């Protein structure tokens, strides 16, 4: 950011504080904006809002057009709130707005009126979404960082007390909406597939989707996003270290810069990496993705399954690199976690989102357990039925002692997964000589225990040329070089950091769902 741009942005923030604190000296306001401390006169508050159940509003149905339309409505709302439109604030008063949440500096006596406008705005535009708000006074002698912390705690308390996202029950005699099945139908709509009873929220989201993209009518499923094998995926990404960093931001200026830099980092980073994989938002079949939720450090993407996991890996790496290259974000150890759930295109999107969200929590746990050593992590699952997985099954990494052989390395840190990717490419190339039955046989011995696995692995390597060639390739050995038993088994159960992992159970689900970009380095940023 140039010095002149920085001064302009800082000047806008000062103007916003001046609107909230009429009559305050400009020098006093500028000092507070820059330093987050000073003798502010009473009368101004930090106004904090957060829409309730954003995921529920977007994914309360399996209808693809409704989900696309809900996403479009929320993105437009975010764009308007970012400049104060609809709540009668000036752009200079908005510190941040995105993902249904935001901060603004306002006159304390305006808080109730702004809350009423927000409720009216969301009710008019979405019909069902609600918002929780709080206004925390900017107190003399209290730093801006302390005020942000108070606002966060106050908002959580308000949400817990008021439960504002509950919808009224549908009377037993009312016809339910044929799309969501949750709300009472409002009218009979003419659709290409025939007349249909719809509630107002679903009907309006369908119409919004039609205005966003021309696909020759309504899309009931995600067939346009599936890969050649008929699979699609939900990628759920969330930033790491963000709450910790926000607590260290001492001034409105620091918060303003950090929040915008972070949102731009994730939004532009995803578009850049998706382009590397030949994907564009609302693109042609097989080359498209949807971004239903993108705000702050939170992102949900729907995309073809065959590129979802390597794309997530590259996105995490890109975010780390770009954060360190950023004047604002560098040195803060900004990373992210990702949960990726893959399934047949007919699998309900709501259930796939829940699985991706649970996987994200597992990946987050890896970062928390790693202290300062793990910056980014990811995990994934191939979902073949409706059984719960991620939150019901404890990963072995969190159960077994450090010297035990793990039968799965999930969740992987980013450096570990980069090595995992190299091994997967070797396995993919070797499957022509190794039948899947042989891989599954190795898998069965791995489940029997480390001794049984070692004996079976060495036996297969000694008797089967394809296994021998695979192990030599993994070890980086020449075809005629001697191969010791310990080296051979280390390729079947390698070390990822300090943990020895039999990673075939993690490799197998991805062998048919893994496609790297053809020429990664040639794609422009």
Protein backbone atom coordinates (compact mmCIF):
# COMPACT_ATOMS: atom_id res chain seq x y z
CA UNK A 1 0.00 0.00 0.00
CA UNK A 2 1.38 3.38 -0.99
CA UNK A 3 1.86 6.11 1.59
CA UNK A 4 -0.80 8.29 -0.06
CA UNK A 5 -3.32 5.40 -0.08
CA UNK A 6 -2.55 4.72 3.56
CA UNK A 7 -3.13 8.35 4.47
CA UNK A 8 -6.40 8.42 2.52
CA UNK A 9 -7.71 5.31 4.27
CA UNK A 10 -6.65 6.60 7.66
CA UNK A 11 -8.33 9.91 6.88
CA UNK A 12 -11.58 8.11 6.05
CA UNK A 13 -11.49 6.31 9.39
CA UNK A 14 -10.91 9.61 11.20
CA UNK A 15 -13.93 11.05 9.35
CA UNK A 16 -16.04 8.08 10.50
CA UNK A 17 -15.03 8.60 14.13
CA UNK A 18 -15.81 12.30 13.75
CA UNK A 19 -19.39 11.42 12.72
CA UNK A 20 -19.75 9.31 15.87
CA UNK A 21 -18.07 11.91 18.08
CA UNK A 22 -19.33 15.26 16.86
CA UNK A 23 -17.17 18.13 18.04
CA UNK A 24 -14.11 16.04 18.86
CA UNK A 25 -10.72 17.45 17.91
CA UNK A 26 -9.29 15.93 14.71
CA UNK A 27 -5.84 15.49 16.29
CA UNK A 28 -7.41 13.56 19.16
CA UNK A 29 -9.36 11.32 16.79
CA UNK A 30 -6.37 10.72 14.55
CA UNK A 31 -4.28 9.68 17.56
CA UNK A 32 -6.98 7.22 18.65
CA UNK A 33 -7.40 5.78 15.14
CA UNK A 34 -3.65 5.25 14.85
CA UNK A 35 -2.85 4.15 18.41
CA UNK A 36 -6.11 2.82 19.86
CA UNK A 37 -5.80 4.81 23.05
CA UNK A 38 -6.45 8.39 24.13
CA UNK A 39 -8.88 10.70 25.84
CA UNK A 40 -12.06 10.18 23.86
CA UNK A 41 -15.14 12.11 24.87
CA UNK A 42 -18.16 9.89 25.72
CA UNK A 43 -20.88 9.30 23.15
CA UNK A 44 -19.45 6.78 20.66
CA UNK A 45 -19.78 3.00 20.57
CA UNK A 46 -18.33 0.08 18.66
CA UNK A 47 -21.31 -1.54 16.96
CA UNK A 48 -20.92 -5.27 16.25
CA UNK A 49 -23.34 -7.43 14.27
CA UNK A 50 -23.43 -11.02 13.10
CA UNK A 51 -26.14 -12.73 11.05
CA UNK A 52 -27.47 -15.89 12.67
CA UNK A 53 -27.20 -19.32 11.05
CA UNK A 54 -25.72 -18.14 7.75
CA UNK A 55 -24.94 -21.75 6.85
CA UNK A 56 -28.51 -22.71 7.70
CA UNK A 57 -29.90 -20.02 5.39
CA UNK A 58 -27.71 -21.09 2.49
CA UNK A 59 -27.97 -24.85 2.98
CA UNK A 60 -31.50 -25.36 4.34
CA UNK A 61 -32.32 -27.32 1.17
CA UNK A 62 -30.59 -29.65 -1.27
CA UNK A 63 -31.81 -27.63 -4.26
CA UNK A 64 -28.74 -26.26 -6.08
CA UNK A 65 -30.52 -23.18 -7.43
CA UNK A 66 -31.77 -22.20 -3.98
CA UNK A 67 -28.26 -22.53 -2.56
CA UNK A 68 -26.82 -20.48 -5.41
CA UNK A 69 -29.51 -17.83 -4.98
CA UNK A 70 -29.01 -17.61 -1.20
CA UNK A 71 -25.29 -17.15 -1.74
CA UNK A 72 -25.93 -14.37 -4.24
CA UNK A 73 -28.27 -12.57 -1.84
CA UNK A 74 -25.76 -12.74 1.02
CA UNK A 75 -22.88 -11.52 -1.13
CA UNK A 76 -24.95 -8.54 -2.27
CA UNK A 77 -25.89 -7.79 1.34
CA UNK A 78 -22.24 -7.91 2.40
CA UNK A 79 -21.31 -5.51 -0.41
CA UNK A 80 -23.99 -3.05 0.66
CA UNK A 81 -23.21 -3.25 4.37
CA UNK A 82 -19.53 -2.69 3.63
CA UNK A 83 -20.46 0.87 2.63
CA UNK A 84 -23.22 1.33 5.24
CA UNK A 85 -26.07 1.03 2.72
CA UNK A 86 -29.40 0.06 4.25
CA UNK A 87 -28.39 0.94 7.81
CA UNK A 88 -27.85 4.68 7.17
CA UNK A 89 -24.16 4.76 8.03
CA UNK A 90 -21.37 6.34 6.02
CA UNK A 91 -18.68 4.10 4.46
CA UNK A 92 -16.11 5.77 6.71
CA UNK A 93 -17.90 4.39 9.79
CA UNK A 94 -17.55 0.75 8.70
CA UNK A 95 -14.42 -0.89 10.05
CA UNK A 96 -15.26 -4.23 8.47
CA UNK A 97 -18.21 -6.08 6.91
CA UNK A 98 -18.19 -9.56 5.42
CA UNK A 99 -19.58 -13.04 5.88
CA UNK A 100 -22.70 -11.63 7.54
CA UNK A 101 -20.71 -9.92 10.30
CA UNK A 102 -19.23 -6.49 10.83
CA UNK A 103 -17.97 -3.66 13.04
CA UNK A 104 -18.83 0.02 12.81
CA UNK A 105 -18.23 3.10 14.93
CA UNK A 106 -21.53 4.87 15.72
CA UNK A 107 -23.10 7.34 18.07
CA UNK A 108 -24.20 5.44 21.16
CA UNK A 109 -27.78 6.69 20.93
CA UNK A 110 -28.02 5.32 17.35
CA UNK A 111 -27.48 1.69 18.38
CA UNK A 112 -31.16 0.66 18.72
CA UNK A 113 -32.10 2.31 15.42
CA UNK A 114 -29.25 0.60 13.54
CA UNK A 115 -30.28 -2.74 15.04
CA UNK A 116 -33.85 -2.19 13.83
CA UNK A 117 -32.61 -1.32 10.33
CA UNK A 118 -30.46 -4.45 10.19
CA UNK A 119 -33.37 -6.66 11.22
CA UNK A 120 -35.61 -5.00 8.65
CA UNK A 121 -32.95 -5.30 5.93
CA UNK A 122 -32.36 -9.02 6.47
CA UNK A 123 -36.07 -9.75 6.84
CA UNK A 124 -36.86 -7.93 3.59
CA UNK A 125 -34.03 -9.47 1.57
CA UNK A 126 -33.97 -13.02 2.93
CA UNK A 127 -37.43 -13.39 4.56
CA UNK A 128 -35.98 -15.62 7.28
CA UNK A 129 -32.45 -14.54 8.31
CA UNK A 130 -31.97 -12.69 11.59
CA UNK A 131 -29.08 -10.84 13.17
CA UNK A 132 -27.58 -10.39 16.62
CA UNK A 133 -26.14 -6.99 17.51
CA UNK A 134 -24.40 -5.23 20.36
CA UNK A 135 -23.09 -1.72 20.93
CA UNK A 136 -20.15 -1.32 23.34
CA UNK A 137 -19.18 2.22 24.38
CA UNK A 138 -15.69 3.47 23.59
CA UNK A 139 -14.50 4.33 27.09
CA UNK A 140 -11.76 6.77 28.02
CA UNK A 141 -8.81 4.91 29.46
CA UNK A 142 -9.73 1.64 27.74
CA UNK A 143 -7.80 0.53 24.66
CA UNK A 144 -9.49 -0.28 21.38
CA UNK A 145 -8.30 -3.90 21.64
CA UNK A 146 -10.12 -4.23 24.98
CA UNK A 147 -13.24 -2.75 23.41
CA UNK A 148 -13.16 -5.31 20.56
CA UNK A 149 -12.86 -8.08 23.14
CA UNK A 150 -15.83 -6.69 25.10
CA UNK A 151 -17.88 -6.48 21.91
CA UNK A 152 -17.21 -10.12 21.05
CA UNK A 153 -18.21 -11.29 24.53
CA UNK A 154 -21.29 -9.09 24.53
CA UNK A 155 -22.42 -10.40 21.16
CA UNK A 156 -22.03 -14.02 22.31
CA UNK A 157 -24.08 -13.21 25.41
CA UNK A 158 -26.83 -11.54 23.36
CA UNK A 159 -27.06 -14.51 20.99
CA UNK A 160 -27.33 -16.94 23.90
CA UNK A 161 -30.02 -14.92 25.66
CA UNK A 162 -32.29 -14.08 22.75
CA UNK A 163 -32.11 -17.18 20.47
CA UNK A 164 -33.09 -14.98 17.51
CA UNK A 165 -32.72 -17.57 14.75
CA UNK A 166 -35.68 -19.79 15.65
CA UNK A 167 -38.41 -20.03 13.00
CA UNK A 168 -42.06 -20.35 13.90
CA UNK A 169 -43.67 -23.78 13.69
CA UNK A 170 -45.73 -24.71 10.63
CA UNK A 171 -49.41 -25.36 11.49
CA UNK A 172 -50.50 -28.96 10.90
CA UNK A 173 -53.08 -27.93 8.30
CA UNK A 174 -50.62 -25.91 6.16
CA UNK A 175 -48.99 -27.26 3.00
CA UNK A 176 -45.19 -27.32 3.30
CA UNK A 177 -42.75 -25.93 0.75
CA UNK A 178 -41.79 -28.60 -1.80
CA UNK A 179 -38.18 -27.35 -1.86
CA UNK A 180 -37.07 -27.01 1.77
CA UNK A 181 -39.85 -28.97 3.46
CA UNK A 182 -39.48 -26.70 6.49
CA UNK A 183 -41.72 -23.69 5.93
CA UNK A 184 -45.31 -23.23 4.94
CA UNK A 185 -45.88 -22.88 1.19
CA UNK A 186 -46.81 -19.36 0.14
CA UNK A 187 -47.84 -19.85 -3.49
CA UNK A 188 -47.99 -22.23 -6.41
CA UNK A 189 -45.16 -21.41 -8.84
CA UNK A 190 -44.93 -22.36 -12.49
CA UNK A 191 -41.66 -24.18 -13.09
CA UNK A 192 -40.21 -26.03 -16.07
CA UNK A 193 -40.73 -29.33 -14.27
CA UNK A 194 -44.35 -28.42 -13.49
CA UNK A 195 -46.26 -26.41 -10.87
CA UNK A 196 -44.78 -26.46 -7.37
CA UNK A 197 -45.76 -25.19 -3.94
CA UNK A 198 -42.99 -22.95 -2.59
CA UNK A 199 -42.36 -20.77 0.43
CA UNK A 200 -41.38 -17.16 -0.25
CA UNK A 201 -37.69 -17.54 0.80
CA UNK A 202 -37.11 -20.54 -1.49
CA UNK A 203 -39.02 -19.03 -4.40
CA UNK A 204 -37.07 -15.78 -4.24
CA UNK A 205 -33.74 -17.61 -4.04
CA UNK A 206 -34.61 -19.62 -7.16
CA UNK A 207 -35.40 -16.41 -9.01
CA UNK A 208 -32.16 -14.82 -7.79
CA UNK A 209 -30.16 -17.80 -9.06
CA UNK A 210 -31.75 -17.46 -12.48
CA UNK A 211 -30.56 -13.88 -12.59
CA UNK A 212 -27.01 -14.83 -11.61
CA UNK A 213 -26.33 -17.46 -14.23
CA UNK A 214 -28.08 -18.70 -17.35
CA UNK A 215 -28.23 -22.48 -17.17
CA UNK A 216 -31.41 -23.07 -19.10
CA UNK A 217 -33.62 -23.28 -16.02
CA UNK A 218 -33.45 -24.43 -12.43
CA UNK A 219 -30.68 -26.76 -11.23
CA UNK A 220 -31.92 -29.27 -8.65
CA UNK A 221 -28.54 -30.88 -8.02
CA UNK A 222 -24.81 -30.36 -8.52
CA UNK A 223 -24.34 -32.43 -11.66
CA UNK A 224 -22.71 -29.43 -13.33
CA UNK A 225 -19.93 -29.58 -10.70
CA UNK A 226 -19.24 -33.30 -10.67
CA UNK A 227 -16.09 -34.85 -12.11
CA UNK A 228 -15.97 -37.46 -14.86
CA UNK A 229 -16.70 -40.22 -12.31
CA UNK A 230 -19.79 -38.43 -11.03
CA UNK A 231 -18.33 -37.16 -7.72
CA UNK A 232 -18.36 -33.67 -6.23
CA UNK A 233 -16.91 -32.23 -3.03
CA UNK A 234 -17.43 -29.62 -0.33
CA UNK A 235 -14.32 -27.81 0.85
CA UNK A 236 -14.64 -25.98 4.18
CA UNK A 237 -11.71 -23.71 5.05
CA UNK A 238 -11.13 -21.56 8.11
CA UNK A 239 -8.16 -19.41 9.09
CA UNK A 240 -5.86 -20.21 12.03
CA UNK A 241 -4.47 -17.75 14.51
CA UNK A 242 -7.05 -15.10 13.59
CA UNK A 243 -8.62 -14.69 17.03
CA UNK A 244 -5.18 -14.59 18.63
CA UNK A 245 -4.05 -11.94 16.18
CA UNK A 246 -7.17 -9.79 16.58
CA UNK A 247 -6.52 -9.63 20.32
CA UNK A 248 -3.15 -8.01 19.57
CA UNK A 249 -4.52 -5.33 17.19
CA UNK A 250 -4.22 -2.17 19.23
CA UNK A 251 -5.99 0.39 17.08
CA UNK A 252 -8.94 0.86 14.69
CA UNK A 253 -6.42 1.43 11.90
CA UNK A 254 -4.69 -1.88 12.59
CA UNK A 255 -8.03 -3.72 12.72
CA UNK A 256 -9.25 -2.04 9.53
CA UNK A 257 -6.13 -3.02 7.61
CA UNK A 258 -5.86 -6.55 8.99
CA UNK A 259 -9.51 -7.53 8.40
CA UNK A 260 -9.47 -6.33 4.80
CA UNK A 261 -6.09 -7.88 4.02
CA UNK A 262 -7.20 -11.24 5.43
CA UNK A 263 -10.52 -11.30 3.55
CA UNK A 264 -8.78 -10.38 0.29
CA UNK A 265 -6.06 -12.98 0.90
CA UNK A 266 -8.58 -15.84 1.14
CA UNK A 267 -10.98 -14.62 -1.54
CA UNK A 268 -8.35 -13.87 -4.18
CA UNK A 269 -6.24 -16.85 -3.14
CA UNK A 270 -9.06 -19.29 -3.83
CA UNK A 271 -9.81 -17.75 -7.23
CA UNK A 272 -6.13 -17.90 -8.19
CA UNK A 273 -5.67 -21.54 -7.18
CA UNK A 274 -8.99 -22.56 -8.76
CA UNK A 275 -7.85 -21.01 -12.03
CA UNK A 276 -4.69 -23.11 -11.81
CA UNK A 277 -6.96 -26.16 -11.86
CA UNK A 278 -8.99 -24.88 -14.80
CA UNK A 279 -11.99 -23.90 -12.66
CA UNK A 280 -14.00 -20.71 -12.65
CA UNK A 281 -17.04 -19.69 -10.64
CA UNK A 282 -20.20 -20.67 -12.50
CA UNK A 283 -18.09 -21.99 -15.38
CA UNK A 284 -18.86 -24.78 -17.83
CA UNK A 285 -19.64 -28.31 -16.66
CA UNK A 286 -16.54 -30.02 -15.28
CA UNK A 287 -14.69 -26.70 -15.01
CA UNK A 288 -16.87 -24.90 -12.48
CA UNK A 289 -17.04 -24.23 -8.78
CA UNK A 290 -19.46 -22.44 -6.49
CA UNK A 291 -18.49 -20.32 -3.52
CA UNK A 292 -21.64 -20.20 -1.37
CA UNK A 293 -19.87 -18.70 1.65
CA UNK A 294 -16.82 -16.44 1.60
CA UNK A 295 -16.31 -13.85 4.28
CA UNK A 296 -13.56 -13.00 6.72
CA UNK A 297 -11.48 -16.14 7.26
CA UNK A 298 -14.36 -18.52 6.44
CA UNK A 299 -14.87 -20.18 3.06
CA UNK A 300 -17.12 -22.95 1.72
CA UNK A 301 -16.63 -24.13 -1.86
CA UNK A 302 -18.43 -26.77 -3.95
CA UNK A 303 -16.26 -28.21 -6.71
CA UNK A 304 -15.41 -31.39 -8.68
CA UNK A 305 -14.12 -34.14 -6.38
CA UNK A 306 -11.07 -35.10 -8.46
CA UNK A 307 -9.37 -31.73 -7.83
CA UNK A 308 -10.76 -30.89 -4.39
CA UNK A 309 -8.01 -32.32 -2.16
CA UNK A 310 -4.94 -31.22 -4.15
CA UNK A 311 -6.58 -27.82 -4.63
CA UNK A 312 -7.05 -27.52 -0.86
CA UNK A 313 -3.37 -28.40 -0.35
CA UNK A 314 -2.26 -25.74 -2.83
CA UNK A 315 -4.64 -23.19 -1.34
CA UNK A 316 -3.20 -23.68 2.15
CA UNK A 317 0.34 -23.33 0.79
CA UNK A 318 -0.62 -20.21 -1.19
CA UNK A 319 -2.25 -18.60 1.85
CA UNK A 320 0.85 -19.15 3.98
CA UNK A 321 3.15 -17.75 1.29
CA UNK A 322 0.98 -14.74 0.49
CA UNK A 323 0.52 -13.95 4.19
CA UNK A 324 4.28 -13.79 4.64
CA UNK A 325 4.58 -11.60 1.55
CA UNK A 326 1.95 -9.18 2.87
CA UNK A 327 3.16 -6.06 4.63
CA UNK A 328 0.17 -6.30 6.97
CA UNK A 329 -0.03 -10.06 7.63
CA UNK A 330 3.60 -11.16 7.66
CA UNK A 331 5.13 -12.44 10.89
CA UNK A 332 1.75 -13.39 12.38
CA UNK A 333 1.94 -17.13 11.54
CA UNK A 334 -1.32 -16.93 9.59
CA UNK A 335 -2.39 -20.36 8.36
CA UNK A 336 -5.63 -22.23 7.70
CA UNK A 337 -7.31 -25.60 8.10
CA UNK A 338 -9.45 -27.43 5.57
CA UNK A 339 -11.97 -30.25 5.72
CA UNK A 340 -12.91 -31.85 2.40
CA UNK A 341 -15.83 -34.24 1.97
CA UNK A 342 -16.26 -36.10 -1.35
CA UNK A 343 -19.39 -37.95 -2.51
CA UNK A 344 -21.51 -38.92 -5.49
CA UNK A 345 -23.27 -35.91 -7.00
CA UNK A 346 -26.65 -37.18 -5.77
CA UNK A 347 -25.51 -37.20 -2.13
CA UNK A 348 -27.40 -34.46 -0.20
CA UNK A 349 -25.37 -31.29 0.03
CA UNK A 350 -26.51 -30.56 3.58
CA UNK A 351 -25.04 -33.83 4.85
CA UNK A 352 -21.85 -33.33 2.86
CA UNK A 353 -21.45 -29.85 4.36
CA UNK A 354 -21.88 -31.26 7.88
CA UNK A 355 -19.20 -33.86 7.15
CA UNK A 356 -16.81 -31.18 5.79
CA UNK A 357 -17.47 -29.03 8.88
CA UNK A 358 -16.72 -31.96 11.19
CA UNK A 359 -13.54 -32.72 9.24
CA UNK A 360 -12.49 -29.08 9.59
CA UNK A 361 -12.81 -29.40 13.38
CA UNK A 362 -10.54 -32.45 13.29
CA UNK A 363 -7.95 -30.53 11.25
CA UNK A 364 -8.20 -27.62 13.71
CA UNK A 365 -7.48 -30.02 16.53
CA UNK A 366 -4.21 -30.98 14.83
CA UNK A 367 -3.13 -27.33 14.83
CA UNK A 368 -4.12 -26.83 18.47
CA UNK A 369 -2.33 -30.04 19.52
CA UNK A 370 0.79 -29.04 17.60
CA UNK A 371 1.32 -25.80 19.48
CA UNK A 372 3.47 -23.50 17.35
CA UNK A 373 4.81 -26.33 15.17
CA UNK A 374 1.72 -26.83 12.95
CA UNK A 375 0.52 -23.80 11.02
CA UNK A 376 -1.94 -25.38 8.54
CA UNK A 377 -3.59 -28.79 8.39
CA UNK A 378 -6.19 -30.67 6.37
CA UNK A 379 -8.21 -33.84 6.38
CA UNK A 380 -10.74 -35.44 4.04
CA UNK A 381 -13.22 -38.28 3.68
CA UNK A 382 -14.85 -40.15 0.82
CA UNK A 383 -18.49 -40.37 1.89
CA UNK A 384 -20.33 -43.39 0.49
CA UNK A 385 -23.36 -43.47 2.80
CA UNK A 386 -25.08 -41.38 5.45
CA UNK A 387 -23.18 -42.75 8.45
CA UNK A 388 -21.54 -40.05 10.62
CA UNK A 389 -17.77 -40.19 10.49
CA UNK A 390 -15.48 -37.35 11.45
CA UNK A 391 -16.95 -36.52 14.86
CA UNK A 392 -17.80 -40.13 15.71
CA UNK A 393 -14.40 -41.69 15.00
CA UNK A 394 -11.36 -40.58 17.01
CA UNK A 395 -8.26 -40.36 14.77
CA UNK A 396 -5.48 -42.71 15.87
CA UNK A 397 -3.08 -39.76 15.93
CA UNK A 398 -4.87 -38.48 19.04
CA UNK A 399 -5.18 -41.91 20.71
CA UNK A 400 -1.97 -43.89 20.34
CA UNK A 401 1.44 -43.22 21.94
CA UNK A 402 4.09 -41.43 19.90
CA UNK A 403 6.03 -44.61 19.09
CA UNK A 404 3.01 -46.61 17.84
CA UNK A 405 2.45 -47.35 14.15
CA UNK A 406 -0.55 -45.33 12.95
CA UNK A 407 -2.94 -46.94 10.49
CA UNK A 408 -3.91 -43.49 9.25
CA UNK A 409 -2.05 -40.18 9.39
CA UNK A 410 -5.16 -38.00 9.15
CA UNK A 411 -5.26 -35.13 9.82
CA UNK A 412 -2.01 -34.14 8.09
CA UNK A 413 -0.07 -30.93 8.55
CA UNK A 414 0.63 -29.08 5.31
CA UNK A 415 4.31 -30.18 5.04
CA UNK A 416 3.27 -33.78 5.75
CA UNK A 417 0.57 -33.63 3.11
CA UNK A 418 2.98 -32.34 0.50
CA UNK A 419 5.04 -35.50 1.05
CA UNK A 420 1.83 -37.56 1.03
CA UNK A 421 1.01 -36.04 -2.37
CA UNK A 422 4.35 -37.20 -3.80
CA UNK A 423 3.69 -40.74 -2.60
CA UNK A 424 0.17 -40.71 -4.01
CA UNK A 425 1.46 -39.77 -7.45
CA UNK A 426 3.84 -42.76 -7.35
CA UNK A 427 1.02 -45.08 -6.29
CA UNK A 428 -1.21 -43.74 -9.07
CA UNK A 429 1.47 -44.48 -11.66
CA UNK A 430 1.99 -47.99 -10.24
CA UNK A 431 -1.62 -49.15 -10.16
CA UNK A 432 -1.30 -50.46 -13.70
CA UNK A 433 1.06 -53.14 -12.41
CA UNK A 434 -0.61 -53.55 -9.03
CA UNK A 435 -4.23 -54.61 -8.96
CA UNK A 436 -6.56 -53.04 -6.43
CA UNK A 437 -7.03 -56.49 -4.87
CA UNK A 438 -3.34 -56.48 -3.90
CA UNK A 439 -3.62 -53.02 -2.35
CA UNK A 440 -6.68 -54.10 -0.37
CA UNK A 441 -4.87 -57.25 0.77
CA UNK A 442 -2.05 -55.06 2.12
CA UNK A 443 -4.72 -52.94 3.79
CA UNK A 444 -6.19 -55.99 5.56
CA UNK A 445 -2.80 -57.00 6.95
CA UNK A 446 -2.27 -53.44 8.13
CA UNK A 447 -5.46 -53.64 10.16
CA UNK A 448 -4.23 -56.91 11.72
CA UNK A 449 -1.22 -55.29 13.36
CA UNK A 450 2.33 -54.01 12.70
CA UNK A 451 4.01 -57.44 12.74
CA UNK A 452 1.51 -58.96 10.32
CA UNK A 453 1.85 -55.93 8.06
CA UNK A 454 5.64 -56.11 8.02
CA UNK A 455 5.69 -59.84 7.25
CA UNK A 456 3.13 -59.55 4.46
CA UNK A 457 4.77 -56.44 2.96
CA UNK A 458 8.23 -58.03 2.79
CA UNK A 459 6.75 -61.22 1.35
CA UNK A 460 4.92 -59.32 -1.41
CA UNK A 461 7.96 -57.17 -2.24
CA UNK A 462 10.13 -60.31 -2.55
CA UNK A 463 7.71 -62.21 -4.78
CA UNK A 464 5.95 -59.55 -6.86
CA UNK A 465 7.95 -57.39 -9.34
CA UNK A 466 5.34 -54.63 -9.29
CA UNK A 467 5.60 -54.24 -5.51
CA UNK A 468 9.40 -54.27 -5.77
CA UNK A 469 9.35 -51.59 -8.49
CA UNK A 470 6.93 -49.44 -6.46
CA UNK A 471 9.08 -49.63 -3.33
CA UNK A 472 12.24 -48.77 -5.28
CA UNK A 473 10.47 -45.78 -6.83
CA UNK A 474 9.25 -44.57 -3.43
CA UNK A 475 12.77 -44.95 -1.99
CA UNK A 476 14.39 -43.23 -4.98
CA UNK A 477 16.60 -46.27 -5.73
CA UNK A 478 17.97 -47.46 -9.05
CA UNK A 479 16.42 -50.69 -10.40
CA UNK A 480 19.60 -52.68 -9.65
CA UNK A 481 20.46 -51.14 -6.27
CA UNK A 482 20.30 -53.43 -3.23
CA UNK A 483 17.18 -53.11 -1.11
CA UNK A 484 17.35 -53.78 2.62
CA UNK A 485 14.28 -55.04 4.48
CA UNK A 486 14.18 -51.98 6.76
CA UNK A 487 14.27 -49.63 3.76
CA UNK A 488 11.58 -51.62 1.99
CA UNK A 489 9.18 -51.55 4.93
CA UNK A 490 9.86 -47.83 5.45
CA UNK A 491 8.21 -47.23 2.06
CA UNK A 492 5.09 -49.13 3.11
CA UNK A 493 4.92 -47.42 6.52
CA UNK A 494 6.95 -44.18 6.22
CA UNK A 495 7.64 -41.59 8.86
CA UNK A 496 5.76 -38.29 8.71
CA UNK A 497 7.75 -36.20 11.09
CA UNK A 498 8.14 -38.27 14.24
CA UNK A 499 5.14 -40.53 13.57
CA UNK A 500 5.33 -43.76 11.56
CA UNK A 501 2.23 -44.10 9.42
CA UNK A 502 0.81 -46.92 7.33
CA UNK A 503 -0.72 -44.42 4.91
CA UNK A 504 -2.29 -46.81 2.40
CA UNK A 505 -5.75 -46.38 4.04
CA UNK A 506 -5.40 -42.65 3.33
CA UNK A 507 -4.06 -43.12 -0.20
CA UNK A 508 -6.63 -45.62 -1.47
CA UNK A 509 -9.75 -43.36 -1.34
CA UNK A 510 -7.94 -40.70 -3.40
CA UNK A 511 -6.40 -42.84 -6.16
CA UNK A 512 -9.51 -42.33 -8.31
CA UNK A 513 -10.17 -38.79 -7.07
CA UNK A 514 -6.90 -36.95 -7.58
CA UNK A 515 -5.96 -34.73 -10.50
CA UNK A 516 -3.13 -32.25 -10.31
CA UNK A 517 -2.95 -29.22 -12.63
CA UNK A 518 -1.08 -29.99 -15.83
CA UNK A 519 1.29 -26.99 -15.82
CA UNK A 520 1.08 -25.34 -12.41
CA UNK A 521 3.97 -22.92 -12.92
CA UNK A 522 2.69 -21.56 -16.23
CA UNK A 523 -0.62 -20.26 -14.93
CA UNK A 524 -0.60 -16.51 -14.22
CA UNK A 525 -1.37 -15.36 -10.69
